[in-house]
Amino acid sequence: MIVRDFHELKDSDRAVSDAQWTSVRMLLADDGMGFSFHITTLKAGSEHTFHYKHHFESVYCVSGNGAITDLATGQTHEIRPGVMYALDQHDKHTIRAGSEDLVMACCFNPPVTGTEVHRADGSYAPAES
């Protein structure tokens, strides 16, 4: 059994951030679960474009507000507590935090290792075999 406390991890090397977001990696590839699990916070008013070409991601909004736009279709969906979205087609998307920080629970498959950085195109490199 793996038991971890977000409040302990948020000040550890499992917390990755830049000026506009923080991701606390609760589970990583080396935990052997087949997916990684993160609590990610996007600062209010921030905008981010991602394209996970080599990963599937599902996201559940815990708190805050915002919107996600599918860049292939232009369709925009409201994000609020209780809303989940899944990037089942490696969808390139823009997510915007509204007037409040967006706090989201995220799962990645394949799991991330914790050392990834977003490349210029918004993706992570493919998982190493």
N, C-alpha and C. Protein backbone atom coordinates (compact mmCIF):
# COMPACT_ATOMS: atom_id res chain seq x y z
N MET A 1 0.84 -1.18 0.00
CA MET A 1 0.00 0.00 0.00
C MET A 1 0.88 1.24 0.00
N ILE A 2 0.49 2.21 -0.79
CA ILE A 2 1.20 3.49 -0.86
C ILE A 2 0.29 4.55 -0.22
N VAL A 3 0.81 5.24 0.74
CA VAL A 3 0.07 6.33 1.39
C VAL A 3 0.96 7.56 1.37
N ARG A 4 0.46 8.64 0.80
CA ARG A 4 1.23 9.88 0.74
C ARG A 4 0.34 11.05 1.11
N ASP A 5 0.95 12.07 1.67
CA ASP A 5 0.22 13.26 2.11
C ASP A 5 0.60 14.43 1.21
N PHE A 6 -0.38 14.97 0.51
CA PHE A 6 -0.16 16.13 -0.36
C PHE A 6 0.58 17.24 0.38
N HIS A 7 0.20 17.49 1.62
CA HIS A 7 0.78 18.60 2.40
C HIS A 7 2.27 18.40 2.67
N GLU A 8 2.71 17.15 2.73
CA GLU A 8 4.14 16.87 2.87
C GLU A 8 4.85 16.95 1.53
N LEU A 9 4.20 16.48 0.47
CA LEU A 9 4.84 16.45 -0.85
C LEU A 9 4.95 17.82 -1.51
N LYS A 10 4.07 18.75 -1.15
CA LYS A 10 4.06 20.05 -1.84
C LYS A 10 5.34 20.85 -1.62
N ASP A 11 6.11 20.49 -0.60
CA ASP A 11 7.39 21.16 -0.35
C ASP A 11 8.57 20.22 -0.58
N SER A 12 8.38 19.23 -1.45
CA SER A 12 9.43 18.24 -1.72
C SER A 12 9.84 18.29 -3.19
N ASP A 13 10.74 17.39 -3.59
CA ASP A 13 11.15 17.33 -4.99
C ASP A 13 10.06 16.76 -5.89
N ARG A 14 8.94 16.32 -5.32
CA ARG A 14 7.81 15.85 -6.12
C ARG A 14 6.91 17.01 -6.56
N ALA A 15 7.21 18.21 -6.14
CA ALA A 15 6.45 19.39 -6.57
C ALA A 15 7.25 20.10 -7.65
N VAL A 16 6.64 20.21 -8.83
CA VAL A 16 7.27 20.85 -9.98
C VAL A 16 6.43 22.08 -10.31
N SER A 17 7.10 23.20 -10.63
CA SER A 17 6.29 24.39 -10.88
C SER A 17 7.02 25.37 -11.78
N ASP A 18 6.23 26.32 -12.28
CA ASP A 18 6.78 27.53 -12.88
C ASP A 18 5.97 28.69 -12.30
N ALA A 19 6.03 29.84 -12.90
CA ALA A 19 5.37 31.02 -12.33
C ALA A 19 3.85 30.90 -12.34
N GLN A 20 3.28 30.06 -13.22
CA GLN A 20 1.84 30.02 -13.40
C GLN A 20 1.16 28.71 -12.97
N TRP A 21 1.93 27.69 -12.61
CA TRP A 21 1.33 26.42 -12.21
C TRP A 21 2.26 25.65 -11.28
N THR A 22 1.64 24.74 -10.53
CA THR A 22 2.38 23.82 -9.67
C THR A 22 1.74 22.45 -9.82
N SER A 23 2.58 21.42 -9.92
CA SER A 23 2.09 20.05 -10.02
C SER A 23 2.78 19.22 -8.95
N VAL A 24 1.99 18.66 -8.04
CA VAL A 24 2.52 17.79 -6.99
C VAL A 24 2.27 16.36 -7.45
N ARG A 25 3.35 15.64 -7.71
CA ARG A 25 3.29 14.30 -8.27
C ARG A 25 3.15 13.29 -7.13
N MET A 26 1.94 12.85 -6.89
CA MET A 26 1.64 11.93 -5.79
C MET A 26 2.07 10.50 -6.12
N LEU A 27 1.91 10.10 -7.38
CA LEU A 27 2.38 8.80 -7.88
C LEU A 27 3.17 9.04 -9.15
N LEU A 28 4.29 8.34 -9.29
CA LEU A 28 5.13 8.44 -10.48
C LEU A 28 5.39 7.05 -11.04
N ALA A 29 6.05 6.99 -12.19
CA ALA A 29 6.31 5.72 -12.87
C ALA A 29 6.97 4.70 -11.95
N ASP A 30 7.93 5.14 -11.14
CA ASP A 30 8.65 4.18 -10.31
C ASP A 30 7.80 3.62 -9.16
N ASP A 31 6.58 4.10 -9.01
CA ASP A 31 5.67 3.51 -8.02
C ASP A 31 5.00 2.24 -8.56
N GLY A 32 5.12 2.00 -9.88
CA GLY A 32 4.66 0.75 -10.47
C GLY A 32 3.16 0.59 -10.61
N MET A 33 2.41 1.66 -10.63
CA MET A 33 0.95 1.58 -10.72
C MET A 33 0.43 1.58 -12.16
N GLY A 34 1.29 1.90 -13.13
CA GLY A 34 0.84 1.95 -14.52
C GLY A 34 0.28 3.30 -14.93
N PHE A 35 0.20 4.23 -14.00
CA PHE A 35 -0.24 5.60 -14.28
C PHE A 35 0.42 6.50 -13.24
N SER A 36 0.44 7.79 -13.51
CA SER A 36 0.89 8.74 -12.49
C SER A 36 -0.30 9.60 -12.10
N PHE A 37 -0.23 10.13 -10.87
CA PHE A 37 -1.33 10.89 -10.31
C PHE A 37 -0.78 12.18 -9.73
N HIS A 38 -1.35 13.30 -10.12
CA HIS A 38 -0.83 14.61 -9.75
C HIS A 38 -1.97 15.49 -9.25
N ILE A 39 -1.66 16.41 -8.36
CA ILE A 39 -2.57 17.50 -8.03
C ILE A 39 -1.92 18.75 -8.63
N THR A 40 -2.59 19.33 -9.59
CA THR A 40 -2.05 20.47 -10.33
C THR A 40 -2.89 21.70 -10.07
N THR A 41 -2.21 22.80 -9.79
CA THR A 41 -2.88 24.09 -9.57
C THR A 41 -2.42 25.07 -10.64
N LEU A 42 -3.38 25.63 -11.36
CA LEU A 42 -3.11 26.68 -12.35
C LEU A 42 -3.54 28.01 -11.73
N LYS A 43 -2.65 28.98 -11.76
CA LYS A 43 -2.97 30.28 -11.16
C LYS A 43 -4.12 30.98 -11.88
N ALA A 44 -4.94 31.65 -11.09
CA ALA A 44 -6.07 32.41 -11.64
C ALA A 44 -5.58 33.33 -12.76
N GLY A 45 -6.32 33.34 -13.86
CA GLY A 45 -5.99 34.21 -14.99
C GLY A 45 -4.93 33.68 -15.92
N SER A 46 -4.34 32.52 -15.61
CA SER A 46 -3.28 32.00 -16.48
C SER A 46 -3.86 31.18 -17.63
N GLU A 47 -3.07 31.04 -18.68
CA GLU A 47 -3.47 30.30 -19.87
C GLU A 47 -2.33 29.39 -20.27
N HIS A 48 -2.66 28.14 -20.66
CA HIS A 48 -1.63 27.13 -20.96
C HIS A 48 -2.08 26.30 -22.16
N THR A 49 -1.18 26.09 -23.10
CA THR A 49 -1.45 25.22 -24.23
C THR A 49 -0.56 23.99 -24.11
N PHE A 50 -1.21 22.83 -24.15
CA PHE A 50 -0.51 21.55 -24.01
C PHE A 50 -0.92 20.63 -25.15
N HIS A 51 -0.04 19.69 -25.45
CA HIS A 51 -0.32 18.68 -26.47
C HIS A 51 0.43 17.41 -26.08
N TYR A 52 -0.20 16.59 -25.29
CA TYR A 52 0.44 15.36 -24.81
C TYR A 52 0.38 14.30 -25.89
N LYS A 53 1.32 14.35 -26.83
CA LYS A 53 1.35 13.47 -27.99
C LYS A 53 1.65 12.02 -27.61
N HIS A 54 2.28 11.81 -26.47
CA HIS A 54 2.75 10.48 -26.09
C HIS A 54 2.10 9.98 -24.80
N HIS A 55 1.16 10.74 -24.27
CA HIS A 55 0.50 10.39 -23.02
C HIS A 55 -1.00 10.63 -23.14
N PHE A 56 -1.77 9.81 -22.45
CA PHE A 56 -3.18 10.09 -22.24
C PHE A 56 -3.29 10.76 -20.88
N GLU A 57 -4.22 11.69 -20.76
CA GLU A 57 -4.42 12.36 -19.48
C GLU A 57 -5.91 12.48 -19.20
N SER A 58 -6.28 12.24 -17.95
CA SER A 58 -7.63 12.55 -17.50
C SER A 58 -7.50 13.51 -16.32
N VAL A 59 -8.44 14.46 -16.24
CA VAL A 59 -8.35 15.55 -15.28
C VAL A 59 -9.72 15.75 -14.64
N TYR A 60 -9.73 15.89 -13.32
CA TYR A 60 -10.95 16.15 -12.55
C TYR A 60 -10.76 17.46 -11.79
N CYS A 61 -11.69 18.38 -11.96
CA CYS A 61 -11.59 19.68 -11.28
C CYS A 61 -12.07 19.54 -9.84
N VAL A 62 -11.17 19.86 -8.92
CA VAL A 62 -11.46 19.82 -7.49
C VAL A 62 -12.03 21.16 -7.03
N SER A 63 -11.40 22.26 -7.49
CA SER A 63 -11.89 23.59 -7.12
C SER A 63 -11.44 24.61 -8.15
N GLY A 64 -12.08 25.76 -8.13
CA GLY A 64 -11.75 26.84 -9.04
C GLY A 64 -12.67 26.87 -10.24
N ASN A 65 -12.27 27.65 -11.25
CA ASN A 65 -13.07 27.77 -12.46
C ASN A 65 -12.17 28.10 -13.63
N GLY A 66 -12.68 27.80 -14.82
CA GLY A 66 -11.91 28.06 -16.03
C GLY A 66 -12.59 27.46 -17.23
N ALA A 67 -11.79 27.23 -18.28
CA ALA A 67 -12.32 26.66 -19.52
C ALA A 67 -11.20 25.93 -20.24
N ILE A 68 -11.60 24.92 -21.02
CA ILE A 68 -10.67 24.19 -21.87
C ILE A 68 -11.17 24.28 -23.30
N THR A 69 -10.25 24.53 -24.24
CA THR A 69 -10.59 24.59 -25.65
C THR A 69 -9.83 23.52 -26.40
N ASP A 70 -10.57 22.70 -27.16
CA ASP A 70 -9.98 21.71 -28.06
C ASP A 70 -9.50 22.48 -29.29
N LEU A 71 -8.21 22.53 -29.51
CA LEU A 71 -7.68 23.36 -30.59
C LEU A 71 -7.95 22.78 -31.97
N ALA A 72 -8.31 21.51 -32.07
CA ALA A 72 -8.65 20.93 -33.37
C ALA A 72 -10.05 21.34 -33.81
N THR A 73 -10.96 21.48 -32.84
CA THR A 73 -12.36 21.78 -33.18
C THR A 73 -12.79 23.19 -32.82
N GLY A 74 -12.03 23.83 -31.93
CA GLY A 74 -12.42 25.14 -31.44
C GLY A 74 -13.47 25.09 -30.35
N GLN A 75 -13.93 23.90 -29.99
CA GLN A 75 -14.97 23.76 -28.97
C GLN A 75 -14.39 24.06 -27.59
N THR A 76 -15.11 24.87 -26.81
CA THR A 76 -14.69 25.26 -25.47
C THR A 76 -15.69 24.71 -24.46
N HIS A 77 -15.16 24.21 -23.34
CA HIS A 77 -15.98 23.65 -22.27
C HIS A 77 -15.63 24.35 -20.96
N GLU A 78 -16.65 24.63 -20.17
CA GLU A 78 -16.45 25.22 -18.86
C GLU A 78 -15.83 24.17 -17.93
N ILE A 79 -14.89 24.62 -17.10
CA ILE A 79 -14.30 23.77 -16.07
C ILE A 79 -14.72 24.34 -14.73
N ARG A 80 -15.28 23.50 -13.89
CA ARG A 80 -15.71 23.88 -12.53
C ARG A 80 -15.65 22.61 -11.69
N PRO A 81 -15.76 22.72 -10.38
CA PRO A 81 -15.70 21.53 -9.54
C PRO A 81 -16.71 20.47 -9.99
N GLY A 82 -16.22 19.24 -10.10
CA GLY A 82 -17.05 18.12 -10.54
C GLY A 82 -16.91 17.79 -12.01
N VAL A 83 -16.28 18.65 -12.80
CA VAL A 83 -16.11 18.41 -14.24
C VAL A 83 -14.82 17.63 -14.46
N MET A 84 -14.90 16.60 -15.31
CA MET A 84 -13.75 15.80 -15.72
C MET A 84 -13.59 15.91 -17.23
N TYR A 85 -12.35 15.94 -17.70
CA TYR A 85 -12.11 15.80 -19.13
C TYR A 85 -10.99 14.79 -19.32
N ALA A 86 -11.05 14.08 -20.46
CA ALA A 86 -10.05 13.08 -20.78
C ALA A 86 -9.52 13.37 -22.18
N LEU A 87 -8.22 13.43 -22.30
CA LEU A 87 -7.56 13.69 -23.58
C LEU A 87 -7.30 12.34 -24.26
N ASP A 88 -8.37 11.73 -24.75
CA ASP A 88 -8.31 10.37 -25.29
C ASP A 88 -7.78 10.29 -26.71
N GLN A 89 -7.61 11.45 -27.35
CA GLN A 89 -7.08 11.50 -28.72
C GLN A 89 -5.79 12.31 -28.76
N HIS A 90 -5.10 12.39 -27.62
CA HIS A 90 -3.88 13.21 -27.52
C HIS A 90 -4.19 14.65 -27.95
N ASP A 91 -5.35 15.12 -27.53
CA ASP A 91 -5.89 16.40 -27.98
C ASP A 91 -5.01 17.59 -27.58
N LYS A 92 -4.66 18.39 -28.58
CA LYS A 92 -3.98 19.65 -28.30
C LYS A 92 -5.05 20.60 -27.76
N HIS A 93 -4.74 21.27 -26.65
CA HIS A 93 -5.75 22.06 -25.97
C HIS A 93 -5.15 23.25 -25.26
N THR A 94 -6.01 24.22 -25.00
CA THR A 94 -5.64 25.36 -24.18
C THR A 94 -6.56 25.36 -22.98
N ILE A 95 -5.96 25.47 -21.81
CA ILE A 95 -6.75 25.55 -20.59
C ILE A 95 -6.50 26.92 -19.96
N ARG A 96 -7.59 27.54 -19.55
CA ARG A 96 -7.53 28.87 -18.96
C ARG A 96 -8.13 28.82 -17.57
N ALA A 97 -7.38 29.27 -16.60
CA ALA A 97 -7.93 29.42 -15.25
C ALA A 97 -8.70 30.73 -15.22
N GLY A 98 -9.85 30.71 -14.58
CA GLY A 98 -10.69 31.90 -14.52
C GLY A 98 -10.30 32.82 -13.38
N SER A 99 -11.29 33.26 -12.64
CA SER A 99 -11.06 34.23 -11.57
C SER A 99 -10.50 33.59 -10.30
N GLU A 100 -10.46 32.27 -10.26
CA GLU A 100 -9.91 31.53 -9.13
C GLU A 100 -8.87 30.54 -9.63
N ASP A 101 -7.92 30.18 -8.76
CA ASP A 101 -6.98 29.11 -9.10
C ASP A 101 -7.77 27.86 -9.44
N LEU A 102 -7.31 27.13 -10.46
CA LEU A 102 -7.89 25.83 -10.80
C LEU A 102 -7.06 24.76 -10.10
N VAL A 103 -7.70 23.93 -9.30
CA VAL A 103 -7.03 22.81 -8.65
C VAL A 103 -7.62 21.54 -9.24
N MET A 104 -6.72 20.71 -9.84
CA MET A 104 -7.19 19.55 -10.57
C MET A 104 -6.40 18.30 -10.20
N ALA A 105 -7.10 17.17 -10.17
CA ALA A 105 -6.48 15.87 -9.98
C ALA A 105 -6.27 15.27 -11.36
N CYS A 106 -5.03 14.89 -11.69
CA CYS A 106 -4.67 14.47 -13.03
C CYS A 106 -4.02 13.08 -13.01
N CYS A 107 -4.40 12.25 -13.98
CA CYS A 107 -3.76 10.94 -14.17
C CYS A 107 -3.15 10.91 -15.56
N PHE A 108 -1.92 10.39 -15.65
CA PHE A 108 -1.22 10.23 -16.93
C PHE A 108 -0.92 8.77 -17.18
N ASN A 109 -1.12 8.34 -18.43
CA ASN A 109 -0.72 7.01 -18.89
C ASN A 109 -0.05 7.19 -20.25
N PRO A 110 1.17 6.72 -20.46
CA PRO A 110 2.01 6.09 -19.44
C PRO A 110 2.35 7.09 -18.33
N PRO A 111 2.73 6.55 -17.17
CA PRO A 111 3.03 7.43 -16.06
C PRO A 111 4.26 8.29 -16.34
N VAL A 112 4.26 9.48 -15.79
CA VAL A 112 5.45 10.33 -15.91
C VAL A 112 6.45 9.92 -14.82
N THR A 113 7.70 10.27 -15.06
CA THR A 113 8.76 9.91 -14.12
C THR A 113 8.99 10.98 -13.07
N GLY A 114 8.53 12.19 -13.36
CA GLY A 114 8.74 13.31 -12.45
C GLY A 114 9.82 14.25 -12.93
N THR A 115 10.55 13.85 -13.96
CA THR A 115 11.63 14.70 -14.48
C THR A 115 11.26 15.38 -15.80
N GLU A 116 10.07 15.10 -16.32
CA GLU A 116 9.66 15.68 -17.59
C GLU A 116 9.52 17.19 -17.50
N VAL A 117 9.75 17.83 -18.62
CA VAL A 117 9.47 19.25 -18.76
C VAL A 117 8.66 19.42 -20.05
N HIS A 118 7.81 20.42 -20.07
CA HIS A 118 7.04 20.67 -21.28
C HIS A 118 7.97 21.18 -22.37
N ARG A 119 7.88 20.54 -23.53
CA ARG A 119 8.67 20.98 -24.68
C ARG A 119 7.96 22.17 -25.33
N ALA A 120 8.61 22.77 -26.32
CA ALA A 120 8.06 23.97 -26.96
C ALA A 120 6.67 23.73 -27.54
N ASP A 121 6.37 22.51 -27.96
CA ASP A 121 5.06 22.21 -28.55
C ASP A 121 4.01 21.83 -27.50
N GLY A 122 4.36 21.92 -26.22
CA GLY A 122 3.42 21.63 -25.15
C GLY A 122 3.35 20.16 -24.75
N SER A 123 4.23 19.33 -25.31
CA SER A 123 4.20 17.90 -25.00
C SER A 123 5.34 17.53 -24.06
N TYR A 124 5.25 16.31 -23.56
CA TYR A 124 6.38 15.66 -22.88
C TYR A 124 7.02 14.72 -23.88
N ALA A 125 8.29 14.43 -23.71
CA ALA A 125 8.95 13.43 -24.57
C ALA A 125 8.29 12.08 -24.34
N PRO A 126 8.39 11.16 -25.30
CA PRO A 126 7.84 9.82 -25.10
C PRO A 126 8.49 9.15 -23.88
N ALA A 127 7.72 8.30 -23.22
CA ALA A 127 8.26 7.55 -22.08
C ALA A 127 9.38 6.64 -22.59
N GLU A 128 10.43 6.53 -21.81
CA GLU A 128 11.52 5.63 -22.18
C GLU A 128 11.12 4.21 -21.91
N SER A 129 11.52 3.32 -22.81
CA SER A 129 11.16 1.90 -22.66
C SER A 129 12.10 1.20 -21.72
